[in-house]
């Protein structure tokens, strides 16, 4: 970080931060995908509104 303050390229900081942000978003998407996969799909009668 001190290199950036002394006039070096801001890419020294932005590149790793971009990779970390992408990794966090990818991990969140994986967790959402796996959470949805564990739920059972609705039955045909419940989906049609004939649950009673």
C-alpha atoms as a PDB file:
ATOM      1  CA  UNK A   1       0.000   0.000   0.000  1.00  0.00           C
ATOM      2  CA  UNK A   2       2.766   2.551   0.668  1.00  0.00           C
ATOM      3  CA  UNK A   3       3.930   2.084  -2.930  1.00  0.00           C
ATOM      4  CA  UNK A   4       0.590   3.398  -4.192  1.00  0.00           C
ATOM      5  CA  UNK A   5       0.814   6.456  -1.947  1.00  0.00           C
ATOM      6  CA  UNK A   6       4.271   7.219  -3.315  1.00  0.00           C
ATOM      7  CA  UNK A   7       3.022   7.313  -6.908  1.00  0.00           C
ATOM      8  CA  UNK A   8       3.064   3.696  -8.075  1.00  0.00           C
ATOM      9  CA  UNK A   9       0.291   2.223 -10.176  1.00  0.00           C
ATOM     10  CA  UNK A  10      -3.087   1.831  -8.443  1.00  0.00           C
ATOM     11  CA  UNK A  11      -3.362  -1.534 -10.216  1.00  0.00           C
ATOM     12  CA  UNK A  12      -1.173  -2.936  -7.439  1.00  0.00           C
ATOM     13  CA  UNK A  13      -4.193  -2.647  -5.151  1.00  0.00           C
ATOM     14  CA  UNK A  14      -7.161  -2.844  -7.514  1.00  0.00           C
ATOM     15  CA  UNK A  15      -6.189  -6.151  -9.139  1.00  0.00           C
ATOM     16  CA  UNK A  16      -6.153  -8.202  -5.909  1.00  0.00           C
ATOM     17  CA  UNK A  17      -9.280  -6.446  -4.623  1.00  0.00           C
ATOM     18  CA  UNK A  18     -11.102  -7.219  -7.864  1.00  0.00           C
ATOM     19  CA  UNK A  19     -10.131 -10.876  -7.613  1.00  0.00           C
ATOM     20  CA  UNK A  20     -11.310 -11.036  -3.999  1.00  0.00           C
ATOM     21  CA  UNK A  21     -14.635  -9.409  -4.906  1.00  0.00           C
ATOM     22  CA  UNK A  22     -15.180 -11.848  -7.784  1.00  0.00           C
ATOM     23  CA  UNK A  23     -14.306 -14.783  -5.549  1.00  0.00           C
ATOM     24  CA  UNK A  24     -16.780 -13.614  -2.890  1.00  0.00           C
ATOM     25  CA  UNK A  25     -19.569 -13.189  -5.453  1.00  0.00           C
ATOM     26  CA  UNK A  26     -18.829 -16.605  -6.974  1.00  0.00           C
ATOM     27  CA  UNK A  27     -18.881 -18.271  -3.561  1.00  0.00           C
ATOM     28  CA  UNK A  28     -22.200 -16.596  -2.713  1.00  0.00           C
ATOM     29  CA  UNK A  29     -23.716 -17.782  -5.989  1.00  0.00           C
ATOM     30  CA  UNK A  30     -22.541 -21.331  -5.254  1.00  0.00           C
ATOM     31  CA  UNK A  31     -24.106 -21.226  -1.809  1.00  0.00           C
ATOM     32  CA  UNK A  32     -27.408 -19.983  -3.234  1.00  0.00           C
ATOM     33  CA  UNK A  33     -27.339 -22.717  -5.869  1.00  0.00           C
ATOM     34  CA  UNK A  34     -26.685 -25.467  -3.331  1.00  0.00           C
ATOM     35  CA  UNK A  35     -29.305 -24.096  -0.933  1.00  0.00           C
ATOM     36  CA  UNK A  36     -31.950 -24.234  -3.682  1.00  0.00           C
ATOM     37  CA  UNK A  37     -30.893 -27.751  -4.703  1.00  0.00           C
ATOM     38  CA  UNK A  38     -31.698 -29.098  -1.236  1.00  0.00           C
ATOM     39  CA  UNK A  39     -35.353 -28.057  -1.348  1.00  0.00           C
ATOM     40  CA  UNK A  40     -37.919 -30.375  -2.856  1.00  0.00           C
ATOM     41  CA  UNK A  41     -39.856 -29.071  -5.843  1.00  0.00           C
ATOM     42  CA  UNK A  42     -43.512 -28.202  -5.293  1.00  0.00           C
ATOM     43  CA  UNK A  43     -46.003 -30.930  -6.032  1.00  0.00           C
ATOM     44  CA  UNK A  44     -48.209 -30.649  -9.066  1.00  0.00           C
ATOM     45  CA  UNK A  45     -51.408 -30.052  -7.068  1.00  0.00           C
ATOM     46  CA  UNK A  46     -49.780 -27.353  -4.917  1.00  0.00           C
ATOM     47  CA  UNK A  47     -48.370 -25.624  -8.003  1.00  0.00           C
ATOM     48  CA  UNK A  48     -51.802 -25.644  -9.661  1.00  0.00           C
ATOM     49  CA  UNK A  49     -53.491 -24.169  -6.587  1.00  0.00           C
ATOM     50  CA  UNK A  50     -55.373 -27.372  -5.750  1.00  0.00           C
ATOM     51  CA  UNK A  51     -53.762 -27.967  -2.355  1.00  0.00           C
ATOM     52  CA  UNK A  52     -57.069 -28.597  -0.551  1.00  0.00           C
END
